[in-house]
Amino acid sequence: MVEVKTDSEQQMADLSVGGGCPSCGGALSVRKTPGQVWGYCPSCRRLSQPRMAVGPQGIVLMHRTAAA
């Protein structure tokens, strides 16, 4: 489930994505400002910079992966 709050004066949007954390599966808090997207998971405290796009089904968040 996605919850969206916007502030058109500052061109900012806050989203809460249930199960959106790629590390632990916890709720991901996302802030979108002009030119930047930041994600934070309060469960595992992961800070990320996902890419955001609008797809046919709605908002899509993409996280980079790295091989160990």
Protein backbone atom coordinates (compact mmCIF):
# COMPACT_ATOMS: atom_id res chain seq x y z
CA MET A 1 0.00 0.00 0.00
CA VAL A 2 1.28 3.46 -0.89
CA GLU A 3 0.36 6.58 1.05
CA VAL A 4 1.23 9.93 -0.57
CA LYS A 5 1.45 13.41 0.98
CA THR A 6 2.38 16.37 -1.22
CA ASP A 7 3.52 19.95 -0.63
CA SER A 8 3.08 21.79 -3.93
CA GLU A 9 4.62 24.99 -2.53
CA GLN A 10 7.98 23.26 -1.98
CA GLN A 11 7.50 20.76 -4.86
CA MET A 12 7.93 17.83 -2.47
CA ALA A 13 6.12 14.52 -2.01
CA ASP A 14 6.39 12.00 0.84
CA LEU A 15 5.41 8.39 0.20
CA SER A 16 5.11 5.44 2.53
CA VAL A 17 5.51 2.11 0.74
CA GLY A 18 4.55 -0.94 2.79
CA GLY A 19 7.01 -3.80 2.19
CA GLY A 20 9.18 -1.56 -0.01
CA CYS A 21 12.55 -1.99 1.72
CA PRO A 22 14.81 -4.17 -0.43
CA SER A 23 16.88 -5.22 2.62
CA CYS A 24 14.31 -6.28 5.22
CA GLY A 25 10.91 -5.93 3.53
CA GLY A 26 9.79 -3.25 5.99
CA ALA A 27 7.87 -0.08 5.21
CA LEU A 28 9.91 2.38 3.16
CA SER A 29 9.54 6.13 3.66
CA VAL A 30 10.34 7.97 0.42
CA ARG A 31 10.81 11.70 -0.12
CA LYS A 32 10.71 13.10 -3.68
CA THR A 33 12.02 16.61 -4.30
CA PRO A 34 12.95 18.21 -7.63
CA GLY A 35 15.86 16.16 -8.94
CA GLN A 36 16.23 13.82 -5.92
CA VAL A 37 14.57 10.78 -4.36
CA TRP A 38 15.55 9.45 -0.93
CA GLY A 39 14.34 6.33 0.86
CA TYR A 40 14.58 5.42 4.56
CA CYS A 41 13.54 2.22 6.31
CA PRO A 42 12.90 2.72 10.04
CA SER A 43 13.05 -1.06 10.63
CA CYS A 44 16.62 -1.70 9.45
CA ARG A 45 17.67 1.98 9.21
CA ARG A 46 18.71 1.66 5.58
CA LEU A 47 19.11 4.96 3.72
CA SER A 48 18.88 4.64 -0.06
CA GLN A 49 18.57 6.71 -3.19
CA PRO A 50 16.14 4.78 -5.41
CA ARG A 51 15.13 5.82 -8.89
CA MET A 52 11.47 6.65 -9.38
CA ALA A 53 9.40 6.38 -12.54
CA VAL A 54 5.74 6.28 -13.45
CA GLY A 55 4.73 3.02 -15.11
CA PRO A 56 1.43 1.73 -16.46
CA GLN A 57 0.47 0.37 -13.01
CA GLY A 58 1.57 3.51 -11.09
CA ILE A 59 4.78 4.58 -9.34
CA VAL A 60 7.83 2.32 -9.73
CA LEU A 61 10.81 2.44 -7.34
CA MET A 62 14.07 0.89 -8.54
CA HIS A 63 17.01 0.12 -6.25
CA ARG A 64 20.53 -0.63 -7.45
CA THR A 65 21.98 -3.99 -6.60
CA ALA A 66 25.63 -4.90 -6.24
CA ALA A 67 27.42 -8.22 -6.31
CA ALA A 68 29.41 -9.08 -3.22
